[in-house]
Amino acid sequence: MVAISDAIVTRRTVSLARELNPDLHIIVRTRYMSEVGELFDLGASEVIPEEFETSVEIFSGVLKQYGVSRQSIEQEVEEVRKEGYAMLRSTSPPPVEMRLPTRPVINGDFEGTVNP
């Protein structure tokens, strides 16, 4: 696990760790999504950008404020993370599906899915 605030030192650490042990599973925390690609290129196995996780937490808070059930929030967050991290690892973005209420929100749960 690499969680260093200095981006240059983080890149050097990942590169050196991969060089020393090609089989090592390297998890890296970084501040910005713009740094993800380079860290994968240097040999990171997983990259967790704070910027993305902060956005996920804000998303959760907004849903909670609007009365969405905890179970629905957890499902939505899981899906956002799954799609978001897949997108960060890929050169082409995944298809987008927006889950919007087709009817008013009742008891905090979405009532359907709308594709843009």
PDB file of N, CA and C in Angstrom:
ATOM      1  N   MET A   1       0.852  -1.162   0.000  1.00  0.00           N
ATOM      2  CA  MET A   1       0.000   0.000   0.000  1.00  0.00           C
ATOM      3  C   MET A   1       0.902   1.229   0.000  1.00  0.00           C
ATOM      4  N   VAL A   2       0.686   2.092  -0.977  1.00  0.00           N
ATOM      5  CA  VAL A   2       1.448   3.332  -1.070  1.00  0.00           C
ATOM      6  C   VAL A   2       0.473   4.482  -0.846  1.00  0.00           C
ATOM      7  N   ALA A   3       0.696   5.261   0.195  1.00  0.00           N
ATOM      8  CA  ALA A   3      -0.166   6.405   0.505  1.00  0.00           C
ATOM      9  C   ALA A   3       0.713   7.579   0.908  1.00  0.00           C
ATOM     10  N   ILE A   4       1.384   8.133  -0.078  1.00  0.00           N
ATOM     11  CA  ILE A   4       2.323   9.228   0.139  1.00  0.00           C
ATOM     12  C   ILE A   4       1.738  10.476  -0.513  1.00  0.00           C
ATOM     13  N   SER A   5       1.775  11.598   0.169  1.00  0.00           N
ATOM     14  CA  SER A   5       1.181  12.830  -0.363  1.00  0.00           C
ATOM     15  C   SER A   5       1.980  13.449  -1.506  1.00  0.00           C
ATOM     16  N   ASP A   6       3.225  13.132  -1.618  1.00  0.00           N
ATOM     17  CA  ASP A   6       4.085  13.686  -2.662  1.00  0.00           C
ATOM     18  C   ASP A   6       3.957  12.837  -3.930  1.00  0.00           C
ATOM     19  N   ALA A   7       3.412  13.410  -5.011  1.00  0.00           N
ATOM     20  CA  ALA A   7       3.145  12.670  -6.251  1.00  0.00           C
ATOM     21  C   ALA A   7       4.423  12.121  -6.882  1.00  0.00           C
ATOM     22  N   ILE A   8       5.496  12.876  -6.831  1.00  0.00           N
ATOM     23  CA  ILE A   8       6.767  12.425  -7.427  1.00  0.00           C
ATOM     24  C   ILE A   8       7.305  11.215  -6.676  1.00  0.00           C
ATOM     25  N   VAL A   9       7.279  11.280  -5.351  1.00  0.00           N
ATOM     26  CA  VAL A   9       7.763  10.166  -4.533  1.00  0.00           C
ATOM     27  C   VAL A   9       6.860   8.946  -4.729  1.00  0.00           C
ATOM     28  N   THR A  10       5.564   9.170  -4.858  1.00  0.00           N
ATOM     29  CA  THR A  10       4.637   8.062  -5.102  1.00  0.00           C
ATOM     30  C   THR A  10       4.984   7.351  -6.406  1.00  0.00           C
ATOM     31  N   ARG A  11       5.198   8.117  -7.469  1.00  0.00           N
ATOM     32  CA  ARG A  11       5.541   7.515  -8.761  1.00  0.00           C
ATOM     33  C   ARG A  11       6.852   6.737  -8.670  1.00  0.00           C
ATOM     34  N   ARG A  12       7.844   7.310  -8.024  1.00  0.00           N
ATOM     35  CA  ARG A  12       9.141   6.628  -7.899  1.00  0.00           C
ATOM     36  C   ARG A  12       9.007   5.358  -7.072  1.00  0.00           C
ATOM     37  N   THR A  13       8.203   5.402  -6.016  1.00  0.00           N
ATOM     38  CA  THR A  13       8.006   4.236  -5.153  1.00  0.00           C
ATOM     39  C   THR A  13       7.331   3.101  -5.916  1.00  0.00           C
ATOM     40  N   VAL A  14       6.284   3.427  -6.677  1.00  0.00           N
ATOM     41  CA  VAL A  14       5.579   2.412  -7.460  1.00  0.00           C
ATOM     42  C   VAL A  14       6.524   1.795  -8.486  1.00  0.00           C
ATOM     43  N   SER A  15       7.243   2.624  -9.196  1.00  0.00           N
ATOM     44  CA  SER A  15       8.165   2.149 -10.217  1.00  0.00           C
ATOM     45  C   SER A  15       9.229   1.225  -9.624  1.00  0.00           C
ATOM     46  N   LEU A  16       9.824   1.638  -8.521  1.00  0.00           N
ATOM     47  CA  LEU A  16      10.870   0.844  -7.872  1.00  0.00           C
ATOM     48  C   LEU A  16      10.303  -0.461  -7.316  1.00  0.00           C
ATOM     49  N   ALA A  17       9.133  -0.390  -6.686  1.00  0.00           N
ATOM     50  CA  ALA A  17       8.521  -1.598  -6.127  1.00  0.00           C
ATOM     51  C   ALA A  17       8.241  -2.613  -7.239  1.00  0.00           C
ATOM     52  N   ARG A  18       7.732  -2.132  -8.380  1.00  0.00           N
ATOM     53  CA  ARG A  18       7.437  -3.036  -9.501  1.00  0.00           C
ATOM     54  C   ARG A  18       8.720  -3.628 -10.067  1.00  0.00           C
ATOM     55  N   GLU A  19       9.761  -2.807 -10.133  1.00  0.00           N
ATOM     56  CA  GLU A  19      11.048  -3.277 -10.637  1.00  0.00           C
ATOM     57  C   GLU A  19      11.635  -4.358  -9.723  1.00  0.00           C
ATOM     58  N   LEU A  20      11.524  -4.150  -8.418  1.00  0.00           N
ATOM     59  CA  LEU A  20      12.085  -5.096  -7.451  1.00  0.00           C
ATOM     60  C   LEU A  20      11.281  -6.389  -7.351  1.00  0.00           C
ATOM     61  N   ASN A  21       9.962  -6.291  -7.566  1.00  0.00           N
ATOM     62  CA  ASN A  21       9.116  -7.477  -7.450  1.00  0.00           C
ATOM     63  C   ASN A  21       7.965  -7.398  -8.454  1.00  0.00           C
ATOM     64  N   PRO A  22       8.144  -7.991  -9.628  1.00  0.00           N
ATOM     65  CA  PRO A  22       7.116  -7.946 -10.677  1.00  0.00           C
ATOM     66  C   PRO A  22       5.780  -8.573 -10.256  1.00  0.00           C
ATOM     67  N   ASP A  23       5.773  -9.433  -9.228  1.00  0.00           N
ATOM     68  CA  ASP A  23       4.549 -10.105  -8.788  1.00  0.00           C
ATOM     69  C   ASP A  23       3.841  -9.386  -7.637  1.00  0.00           C
ATOM     70  N   LEU A  24       4.407  -8.307  -7.170  1.00  0.00           N
ATOM     71  CA  LEU A  24       3.841  -7.579  -6.029  1.00  0.00           C
ATOM     72  C   LEU A  24       2.505  -6.925  -6.401  1.00  0.00           C
ATOM     73  N   HIS A  25       1.518  -7.030  -5.513  1.00  0.00           N
ATOM     74  CA  HIS A  25       0.236  -6.341  -5.707  1.00  0.00           C
ATOM     75  C   HIS A  25       0.371  -4.964  -5.054  1.00  0.00           C
ATOM     76  N   ILE A  26       0.360  -3.927  -5.870  1.00  0.00           N
ATOM     77  CA  ILE A  26       0.617  -2.568  -5.388  1.00  0.00           C
ATOM     78  C   ILE A  26      -0.680  -1.761  -5.421  1.00  0.00           C
ATOM     79  N   ILE A  27      -1.132  -1.335  -4.247  1.00  0.00           N
ATOM     80  CA  ILE A  27      -2.308  -0.473  -4.122  1.00  0.00           C
ATOM     81  C   ILE A  27      -1.801   0.930  -3.809  1.00  0.00           C
ATOM     82  N   VAL A  28      -2.259   1.896  -4.604  1.00  0.00           N
ATOM     83  CA  VAL A  28      -1.763   3.263  -4.463  1.00  0.00           C
ATOM     84  C   VAL A  28      -2.922   4.224  -4.221  1.00  0.00           C
ATOM     85  N   ARG A  29      -2.766   5.080  -3.242  1.00  0.00           N
ATOM     86  CA  ARG A  29      -3.698   6.176  -3.042  1.00  0.00           C
ATOM     87  C   ARG A  29      -3.080   7.407  -3.681  1.00  0.00           C
ATOM     88  N   THR A  30      -3.888   8.108  -4.471  1.00  0.00           N
ATOM     89  CA  THR A  30      -3.413   9.333  -5.093  1.00  0.00           C
ATOM     90  C   THR A  30      -4.450  10.425  -4.871  1.00  0.00           C
ATOM     91  N   ARG A  31      -4.053  11.644  -5.047  1.00  0.00           N
ATOM     92  CA  ARG A  31      -4.989  12.745  -4.803  1.00  0.00           C
ATOM     93  C   ARG A  31      -5.935  12.973  -5.965  1.00  0.00           C
ATOM     94  N   TYR A  32      -5.428  12.862  -7.199  1.00  0.00           N
ATOM     95  CA  TYR A  32      -6.227  13.284  -8.350  1.00  0.00           C
ATOM     96  C   TYR A  32      -6.415  12.172  -9.373  1.00  0.00           C
ATOM     97  N   MET A  33      -7.561  12.192 -10.014  1.00  0.00           N
ATOM     98  CA  MET A  33      -7.868  11.205 -11.049  1.00  0.00           C
ATOM     99  C   MET A  33      -6.910  11.323 -12.228  1.00  0.00           C
ATOM    100  N   SER A  34      -6.388  12.510 -12.463  1.00  0.00           N
ATOM    101  CA  SER A  34      -5.459  12.715 -13.584  1.00  0.00           C
ATOM    102  C   SER A  34      -4.148  11.940 -13.413  1.00  0.00           C
ATOM    103  N   GLU A  35      -3.859  11.481 -12.207  1.00  0.00           N
ATOM    104  CA  GLU A  35      -2.623  10.749 -11.936  1.00  0.00           C
ATOM    105  C   GLU A  35      -2.780   9.235 -12.102  1.00  0.00           C
ATOM    106  N   VAL A  36      -4.013   8.768 -12.262  1.00  0.00           N
ATOM    107  CA  VAL A  36      -4.296   7.333 -12.278  1.00  0.00           C
ATOM    108  C   VAL A  36      -3.569   6.607 -13.407  1.00  0.00           C
ATOM    109  N   GLY A  37      -3.685   7.091 -14.633  1.00  0.00           N
ATOM    110  CA  GLY A  37      -3.091   6.416 -15.789  1.00  0.00           C
ATOM    111  C   GLY A  37      -1.597   6.207 -15.650  1.00  0.00           C
ATOM    112  N   GLU A  38      -0.906   7.238 -15.240  1.00  0.00           N
ATOM    113  CA  GLU A  38       0.546   7.123 -15.104  1.00  0.00           C
ATOM    114  C   GLU A  38       0.927   6.104 -14.030  1.00  0.00           C
ATOM    115  N   LEU A  39       0.177   6.076 -12.933  1.00  0.00           N
ATOM    116  CA  LEU A  39       0.488   5.112 -11.874  1.00  0.00           C
ATOM    117  C   LEU A  39       0.269   3.674 -12.349  1.00  0.00           C
ATOM    118  N   PHE A  40      -0.782   3.449 -13.136  1.00  0.00           N
ATOM    119  CA  PHE A  40      -0.963   2.114 -13.725  1.00  0.00           C
ATOM    120  C   PHE A  40       0.189   1.807 -14.670  1.00  0.00           C
ATOM    121  N   ASP A  41       0.581   2.788 -15.467  1.00  0.00           N
ATOM    122  CA  ASP A  41       1.701   2.587 -16.403  1.00  0.00           C
ATOM    123  C   ASP A  41       2.996   2.246 -15.674  1.00  0.00           C
ATOM    124  N   LEU A  42       3.174   2.797 -14.489  1.00  0.00           N
ATOM    125  CA  LEU A  42       4.386   2.538 -13.710  1.00  0.00           C
ATOM    126  C   LEU A  42       4.347   1.209 -12.972  1.00  0.00           C
ATOM    127  N   GLY A  43       3.164   0.557 -12.959  1.00  0.00           N
ATOM    128  CA  GLY A  43       3.087  -0.765 -12.355  1.00  0.00           C
ATOM    129  C   GLY A  43       2.118  -0.940 -11.208  1.00  0.00           C
ATOM    130  N   ALA A  44       1.327   0.072 -10.894  1.00  0.00           N
ATOM    131  CA  ALA A  44       0.344  -0.084  -9.821  1.00  0.00           C
ATOM    132  C   ALA A  44      -0.701  -1.121 -10.214  1.00  0.00           C
ATOM    133  N   SER A  45      -1.135  -1.917  -9.251  1.00  0.00           N
ATOM    134  CA  SER A  45      -2.185  -2.917  -9.475  1.00  0.00           C
ATOM    135  C   SER A  45      -3.565  -2.286  -9.292  1.00  0.00           C
ATOM    136  N   GLU A  46      -3.680  -1.410  -8.312  1.00  0.00           N
ATOM    137  CA  GLU A  46      -4.918  -0.691  -8.026  1.00  0.00           C
ATOM    138  C   GLU A  46      -4.550   0.746  -7.682  1.00  0.00           C
ATOM    139  N   VAL A  47      -5.380   1.681  -8.134  1.00  0.00           N
ATOM    140  CA  VAL A  47      -5.163   3.088  -7.809  1.00  0.00           C
ATOM    141  C   VAL A  47      -6.476   3.650  -7.283  1.00  0.00           C
ATOM    142  N   ILE A  48      -6.411   4.278  -6.124  1.00  0.00           N
ATOM    143  CA  ILE A  48      -7.593   4.847  -5.498  1.00  0.00           C
ATOM    144  C   ILE A  48      -7.408   6.362  -5.421  1.00  0.00           C
ATOM    145  N   PRO A  49      -8.075   7.100  -6.304  1.00  0.00           N
ATOM    146  CA  PRO A  49      -7.945   8.563  -6.272  1.00  0.00           C
ATOM    147  C   PRO A  49      -8.870   9.186  -5.235  1.00  0.00           C
ATOM    148  N   GLU A  50      -8.324  10.005  -4.350  1.00  0.00           N
ATOM    149  CA  GLU A  50      -9.115  10.690  -3.328  1.00  0.00           C
ATOM    150  C   GLU A  50     -10.225  11.514  -3.960  1.00  0.00           C
ATOM    151  N   GLU A  51      -9.912  12.156  -5.065  1.00  0.00           N
ATOM    152  CA  GLU A  51     -10.866  13.018  -5.749  1.00  0.00           C
ATOM    153  C   GLU A  51     -12.137  12.232  -6.104  1.00  0.00           C
ATOM    154  N   PHE A  52     -11.982  11.006  -6.587  1.00  0.00           N
ATOM    155  CA  PHE A  52     -13.121  10.171  -6.955  1.00  0.00           C
ATOM    156  C   PHE A  52     -13.902   9.758  -5.713  1.00  0.00           C
ATOM    157  N   GLU A  53     -13.195   9.296  -4.691  1.00  0.00           N
ATOM    158  CA  GLU A  53     -13.861   8.845  -3.468  1.00  0.00           C
ATOM    159  C   GLU A  53     -14.588   9.993  -2.766  1.00  0.00           C
ATOM    160  N   THR A  54     -14.017  11.189  -2.817  1.00  0.00           N
ATOM    161  CA  THR A  54     -14.696  12.350  -2.239  1.00  0.00           C
ATOM    162  C   THR A  54     -16.003  12.607  -2.980  1.00  0.00           C
ATOM    163  N   SER A  55     -15.987  12.492  -4.290  1.00  0.00           N
ATOM    164  CA  SER A  55     -17.203  12.675  -5.089  1.00  0.00           C
ATOM    165  C   SER A  55     -18.248  11.626  -4.736  1.00  0.00           C
ATOM    166  N   VAL A  56     -17.817  10.397  -4.518  1.00  0.00           N
ATOM    167  CA  VAL A  56     -18.740   9.324  -4.141  1.00  0.00           C
ATOM    168  C   VAL A  56     -19.385   9.644  -2.793  1.00  0.00           C
ATOM    169  N   GLU A  57     -18.603  10.147  -1.859  1.00  0.00           N
ATOM    170  CA  GLU A  57     -19.146  10.490  -0.542  1.00  0.00           C
ATOM    171  C   GLU A  57     -20.146  11.645  -0.633  1.00  0.00           C
ATOM    172  N   ILE A  58     -19.865  12.633  -1.460  1.00  0.00           N
ATOM    173  CA  ILE A  58     -20.807  13.741  -1.665  1.00  0.00           C
ATOM    174  C   ILE A  58     -22.101  13.205  -2.272  1.00  0.00           C
ATOM    175  N   PHE A  59     -21.982  12.337  -3.280  1.00  0.00           N
ATOM    176  CA  PHE A  59     -23.133  11.701  -3.916  1.00  0.00           C
ATOM    177  C   PHE A  59     -23.984  10.988  -2.863  1.00  0.00           C
ATOM    178  N   SER A  60     -23.349  10.239  -1.969  1.00  0.00           N
ATOM    179  CA  SER A  60     -24.063   9.526  -0.908  1.00  0.00           C
ATOM    180  C   SER A  60     -24.805  10.491   0.002  1.00  0.00           C
ATOM    181  N   GLY A  61     -24.132  11.576   0.362  1.00  0.00           N
ATOM    182  CA  GLY A  61     -24.747  12.563   1.240  1.00  0.00           C
ATOM    183  C   GLY A  61     -25.972  13.226   0.622  1.00  0.00           C
ATOM    184  N   VAL A  62     -25.896  13.518  -0.669  1.00  0.00           N
ATOM    185  CA  VAL A  62     -27.030  14.125  -1.364  1.00  0.00           C
ATOM    186  C   VAL A  62     -28.210  13.158  -1.383  1.00  0.00           C
ATOM    187  N   LEU A  63     -27.942  11.890  -1.708  1.00  0.00           N
ATOM    188  CA  LEU A  63     -29.026  10.902  -1.732  1.00  0.00           C
ATOM    189  C   LEU A  63     -29.665  10.761  -0.350  1.00  0.00           C
ATOM    190  N   LYS A  64     -28.839  10.739   0.688  1.00  0.00           N
ATOM    191  CA  LYS A  64     -29.357  10.637   2.055  1.00  0.00           C
ATOM    192  C   LYS A  64     -30.230  11.840   2.388  1.00  0.00           C
ATOM    193  N   GLN A  65     -29.770  13.020   2.007  1.00  0.00           N
ATOM    194  CA  GLN A  65     -30.520  14.250   2.285  1.00  0.00           C
ATOM    195  C   GLN A  65     -31.895  14.228   1.612  1.00  0.00           C
ATOM    196  N   TYR A  66     -31.996  13.574   0.464  1.00  0.00           N
ATOM    197  CA  TYR A  66     -33.263  13.496  -0.258  1.00  0.00           C
ATOM    198  C   TYR A  66     -34.103  12.291   0.159  1.00  0.00           C
ATOM    199  N   GLY A  67     -33.704  11.624   1.240  1.00  0.00           N
ATOM    200  CA  GLY A  67     -34.524  10.563   1.798  1.00  0.00           C
ATOM    201  C   GLY A  67     -34.392   9.207   1.141  1.00  0.00           C
ATOM    202  N   VAL A  68     -33.346   9.007   0.352  1.00  0.00           N
ATOM    203  CA  VAL A  68     -33.134   7.704  -0.281  1.00  0.00           C
ATOM    204  C   VAL A  68     -32.684   6.717   0.798  1.00  0.00           C
ATOM    205  N   SER A  69     -33.230   5.513   0.755  1.00  0.00           N
ATOM    206  CA  SER A  69     -32.925   4.514   1.782  1.00  0.00           C
ATOM    207  C   SER A  69     -31.437   4.160   1.784  1.00  0.00           C
ATOM    208  N   ARG A  70     -30.959   3.757   2.941  1.00  0.00           N
ATOM    209  CA  ARG A  70     -29.546   3.379   3.090  1.00  0.00           C
ATOM    210  C   ARG A  70     -29.182   2.239   2.140  1.00  0.00           C
ATOM    211  N   GLN A  71     -30.079   1.257   2.011  1.00  0.00           N
ATOM    212  CA  GLN A  71     -29.816   0.125   1.121  1.00  0.00           C
ATOM    213  C   GLN A  71     -29.679   0.594  -0.326  1.00  0.00           C
ATOM    214  N   SER A  72     -30.548   1.501  -0.756  1.00  0.00           N
ATOM    215  CA  SER A  72     -30.466   2.026  -2.133  1.00  0.00           C
ATOM    216  C   SER A  72     -29.182   2.813  -2.336  1.00  0.00           C
ATOM    217  N   ILE A  73     -28.796   3.607  -1.329  1.00  0.00           N
ATOM    218  CA  ILE A  73     -27.563   4.387  -1.423  1.00  0.00           C
ATOM    219  C   ILE A  73     -26.373   3.443  -1.567  1.00  0.00           C
ATOM    220  N   GLU A  74     -26.328   2.402  -0.753  1.00  0.00           N
ATOM    221  CA  GLU A  74     -25.217   1.452  -0.816  1.00  0.00           C
ATOM    222  C   GLU A  74     -25.148   0.782  -2.185  1.00  0.00           C
ATOM    223  N   GLN A  75     -26.301   0.437  -2.757  1.00  0.00           N
ATOM    224  CA  GLN A  75     -26.321  -0.178  -4.086  1.00  0.00           C
ATOM    225  C   GLN A  75     -25.818   0.803  -5.143  1.00  0.00           C
ATOM    226  N   GLU A  76     -26.276   2.050  -5.064  1.00  0.00           N
ATOM    227  CA  GLU A  76     -25.856   3.060  -6.034  1.00  0.00           C
ATOM    228  C   GLU A  76     -24.357   3.339  -5.925  1.00  0.00           C
ATOM    229  N   VAL A  77     -23.858   3.446  -4.700  1.00  0.00           N
ATOM    230  CA  VAL A  77     -22.431   3.708  -4.483  1.00  0.00           C
ATOM    231  C   VAL A  77     -21.597   2.545  -5.018  1.00  0.00           C
ATOM    232  N   GLU A  78     -22.037   1.326  -4.765  1.00  0.00           N
ATOM    233  CA  GLU A  78     -21.326   0.155  -5.286  1.00  0.00           C
ATOM    234  C   GLU A  78     -21.247   0.208  -6.807  1.00  0.00           C
ATOM    235  N   GLU A  79     -22.357   0.563  -7.444  1.00  0.00           N
ATOM    236  CA  GLU A  79     -22.392   0.632  -8.906  1.00  0.00           C
ATOM    237  C   GLU A  79     -21.495   1.761  -9.425  1.00  0.00           C
ATOM    238  N   VAL A  80     -21.544   2.922  -8.769  1.00  0.00           N
ATOM    239  CA  VAL A  80     -20.699   4.054  -9.173  1.00  0.00           C
ATOM    240  C   VAL A  80     -19.232   3.679  -9.060  1.00  0.00           C
ATOM    241  N   ARG A  81     -18.868   3.051  -7.955  1.00  0.00           N
ATOM    242  CA  ARG A  81     -17.465   2.634  -7.777  1.00  0.00           C
ATOM    243  C   ARG A  81     -17.064   1.614  -8.827  1.00  0.00           C
ATOM    244  N   LYS A  82     -17.916   0.628  -9.056  1.00  0.00           N
ATOM    245  CA  LYS A  82     -17.601  -0.409 -10.039  1.00  0.00           C
ATOM    246  C   LYS A  82     -17.381   0.211 -11.415  1.00  0.00           C
ATOM    247  N   GLU A  83     -18.303   1.035 -11.847  1.00  0.00           N
ATOM    248  CA  GLU A  83     -18.201   1.659 -13.162  1.00  0.00           C
ATOM    249  C   GLU A  83     -17.082   2.692 -13.205  1.00  0.00           C
ATOM    250  N   GLY A  84     -16.958   3.462 -12.139  1.00  0.00           N
ATOM    251  CA  GLY A  84     -15.937   4.503 -12.098  1.00  0.00           C
ATOM    252  C   GLY A  84     -14.534   3.952 -12.144  1.00  0.00           C
ATOM    253  N   TYR A  85     -14.257   2.920 -11.352  1.00  0.00           N
ATOM    254  CA  TYR A  85     -12.916   2.343 -11.361  1.00  0.00           C
ATOM    255  C   TYR A  85     -12.637   1.608 -12.659  1.00  0.00           C
ATOM    256  N   ALA A  86     -13.656   0.993 -13.242  1.00  0.00           N
ATOM    257  CA  ALA A  86     -13.468   0.358 -14.554  1.00  0.00           C
ATOM    258  C   ALA A  86     -13.114   1.424 -15.580  1.00  0.00           C
ATOM    259  N   MET A  87     -13.783   2.566 -15.507  1.00  0.00           N
ATOM    260  CA  MET A  87     -13.514   3.665 -16.431  1.00  0.00           C
ATOM    261  C   MET A  87     -12.089   4.187 -16.240  1.00  0.00           C
ATOM    262  N   LEU A  88     -11.647   4.287 -14.994  1.00  0.00           N
ATOM    263  CA  LEU A  88     -10.303   4.798 -14.729  1.00  0.00           C
ATOM    264  C   LEU A  88      -9.222   3.860 -15.254  1.00  0.00           C
ATOM    265  N   ARG A  89      -9.526   2.564 -15.346  1.00  0.00           N
ATOM    266  CA  ARG A  89      -8.558   1.584 -15.832  1.00  0.00           C
ATOM    267  C   ARG A  89      -8.604   1.409 -17.341  1.00  0.00           C
ATOM    268  N   SER A  90      -9.644   1.914 -17.978  1.00  0.00           N
ATOM    269  CA  SER A  90      -9.879   1.690 -19.396  1.00  0.00           C
ATOM    270  C   SER A  90      -9.523   2.918 -20.213  1.00  0.00           C
ATOM    271  N   THR A  91      -9.208   2.672 -21.491  1.00  0.00           N
ATOM    272  CA  THR A  91      -8.953   3.796 -22.390  1.00  0.00           C
ATOM    273  C   THR A  91     -10.237   4.289 -23.033  1.00  0.00           C
ATOM    274  N   SER A  92     -11.299   3.469 -23.000  1.00  0.00           N
ATOM    275  CA  SER A  92     -12.589   3.919 -23.527  1.00  0.00           C
ATOM    276  C   SER A  92     -13.625   3.879 -22.411  1.00  0.00           C
ATOM    277  N   PRO A  93     -14.478   4.890 -22.342  1.00  0.00           N
ATOM    278  CA  PRO A  93     -15.452   4.946 -21.253  1.00  0.00           C
ATOM    279  C   PRO A  93     -16.530   3.877 -21.407  1.00  0.00           C
ATOM    280  N   PRO A  94     -17.064   3.384 -20.265  1.00  0.00           N
ATOM    281  CA  PRO A  94     -18.142   2.403 -20.328  1.00  0.00           C
ATOM    282  C   PRO A  94     -19.437   3.080 -20.750  1.00  0.00           C
ATOM    283  N   PRO A  95     -20.421   2.292 -21.230  1.00  0.00           N
ATOM    284  CA  PRO A  95     -21.706   2.895 -21.552  1.00  0.00           C
ATOM    285  C   PRO A  95     -22.325   3.519 -20.305  1.00  0.00           C
ATOM    286  N   VAL A  96     -23.013   4.604 -20.486  1.00  0.00           N
ATOM    287  CA  VAL A  96     -23.585   5.336 -19.356  1.00  0.00           C
ATOM    288  C   VAL A  96     -25.070   5.027 -19.246  1.00  0.00           C
ATOM    289  N   GLU A  97     -25.504   4.688 -18.058  1.00  0.00           N
ATOM    290  CA  GLU A  97     -26.924   4.524 -17.764  1.00  0.00           C
ATOM    291  C   GLU A  97     -27.232   5.393 -16.568  1.00  0.00           C
ATOM    292  N   MET A  98     -28.150   6.295 -16.740  1.00  0.00           N
ATOM    293  CA  MET A  98     -28.528   7.170 -15.631  1.00  0.00           C
ATOM    294  C   MET A  98     -29.761   6.599 -14.958  1.00  0.00           C
ATOM    295  N   ARG A  99     -29.681   6.470 -13.650  1.00  0.00           N
ATOM    296  CA  ARG A  99     -30.843   6.003 -12.897  1.00  0.00           C
ATOM    297  C   ARG A  99     -31.538   7.225 -12.332  1.00  0.00           C
ATOM    298  N   LEU A 100     -32.642   7.552 -12.951  1.00  0.00           N
ATOM    299  CA  LEU A 100     -33.439   8.681 -12.515  1.00  0.00           C
ATOM    300  C   LEU A 100     -34.848   8.197 -12.204  1.00  0.00           C
ATOM    301  N   PRO A 101     -35.522   8.826 -11.262  1.00  0.00           N
ATOM    302  CA  PRO A 101     -36.892   8.409 -10.975  1.00  0.00           C
ATOM    303  C   PRO A 101     -37.793   8.679 -12.180  1.00  0.00           C
ATOM    304  N   THR A 102     -38.601   7.678 -12.529  1.00  0.00           N
ATOM    305  CA  THR A 102     -39.596   7.880 -13.581  1.00  0.00           C
ATOM    306  C   THR A 102     -40.885   8.413 -12.976  1.00  0.00           C
ATOM    307  N   ARG A 103     -41.023   8.230 -11.675  1.00  0.00           N
ATOM    308  CA  ARG A 103     -42.134   8.777 -10.900  1.00  0.00           C
ATOM    309  C   ARG A 103     -41.535   9.433  -9.670  1.00  0.00           C
ATOM    310  N   PRO A 104     -42.304  10.145  -8.909  1.00  0.00           N
ATOM    311  CA  PRO A 104     -41.748  10.762  -7.691  1.00  0.00           C
ATOM    312  C   PRO A 104     -41.102   9.717  -6.791  1.00  0.00           C
ATOM    313  N   VAL A 105     -40.098  10.139  -6.070  1.00  0.00           N
ATOM    314  CA  VAL A 105     -39.434   9.253  -5.121  1.00  0.00           C
ATOM    315  C   VAL A 105     -40.413   8.949  -4.000  1.00  0.00           C
ATOM    316  N   ILE A 106     -40.624   7.653  -3.731  1.00  0.00           N
ATOM    317  CA  ILE A 106     -41.555   7.214  -2.696  1.00  0.00           C
ATOM    318  C   ILE A 106     -40.769   6.428  -1.665  1.00  0.00           C
ATOM    319  N   ASN A 107     -40.873   6.801  -0.417  1.00  0.00           N
ATOM    320  CA  ASN A 107     -40.166   6.112   0.667  1.00  0.00           C
ATOM    321  C   ASN A 107     -38.662   6.063   0.430  1.00  0.00           C
ATOM    322  N   GLY A 108     -38.139   7.049  -0.277  1.00  0.00           N
ATOM    323  CA  GLY A 108     -36.705   7.120  -0.465  1.00  0.00           C
ATOM    324  C   GLY A 108     -36.140   6.190  -1.510  1.00  0.00           C
ATOM    325  N   ASP A 109     -36.968   5.513  -2.311  1.00  0.00           N
ATOM    326  CA  ASP A 109     -36.466   4.588  -3.313  1.00  0.00           C
ATOM    327  C   ASP A 109     -36.769   5.089  -4.713  1.00  0.00           C
ATOM    328  N   PHE A 110     -35.833   4.863  -5.619  1.00  0.00           N
ATOM    329  CA  PHE A 110     -36.053   5.215  -7.013  1.00  0.00           C
ATOM    330  C   PHE A 110     -37.138   4.323  -7.590  1.00  0.00           C
ATOM    331  N   GLU A 111     -37.946   4.857  -8.455  1.00  0.00           N
ATOM    332  CA  GLU A 111     -39.055   4.126  -9.056  1.00  0.00           C
ATOM    333  C   GLU A 111     -38.807   3.779 -10.509  1.00  0.00           C
ATOM    334  N   GLY A 112     -37.599   3.504 -10.901  1.00  0.00           N
ATOM    335  CA  GLY A 112     -37.349   3.087 -12.278  1.00  0.00           C
ATOM    336  C   GLY A 112     -36.039   3.629 -12.814  1.00  0.00           C
ATOM    337  N   THR A 113     -35.725   3.251 -14.029  1.00  0.00           N
ATOM    338  CA  THR A 113     -34.494   3.663 -14.667  1.00  0.00           C
ATOM    339  C   THR A 113     -34.816   4.343 -15.991  1.00  0.00           C
ATOM    340  N   VAL A 114     -34.131   5.446 -16.243  1.00  0.00           N
ATOM    341  CA  VAL A 114     -34.311   6.178 -17.486  1.00  0.00           C
ATOM    342  C   VAL A 114     -32.983   6.207 -18.193  1.00  0.00           C
ATOM    343  N   ASN A 115     -32.930   5.800 -19.436  1.00  0.00           N
ATOM    344  CA  ASN A 115     -31.697   5.896 -20.215  1.00  0.00           C
ATOM    345  C   ASN A 115     -31.698   7.194 -20.982  1.00  0.00           C
ATOM    346  N   PRO A 116     -30.573   7.911 -20.990  1.00  0.00           N
ATOM    347  CA  PRO A 116     -30.534   9.199 -21.687  1.00  0.00           C
ATOM    348  C   PRO A 116     -30.668   9.034 -23.199  1.00  0.00           C
TER     349      PRO A 116
END
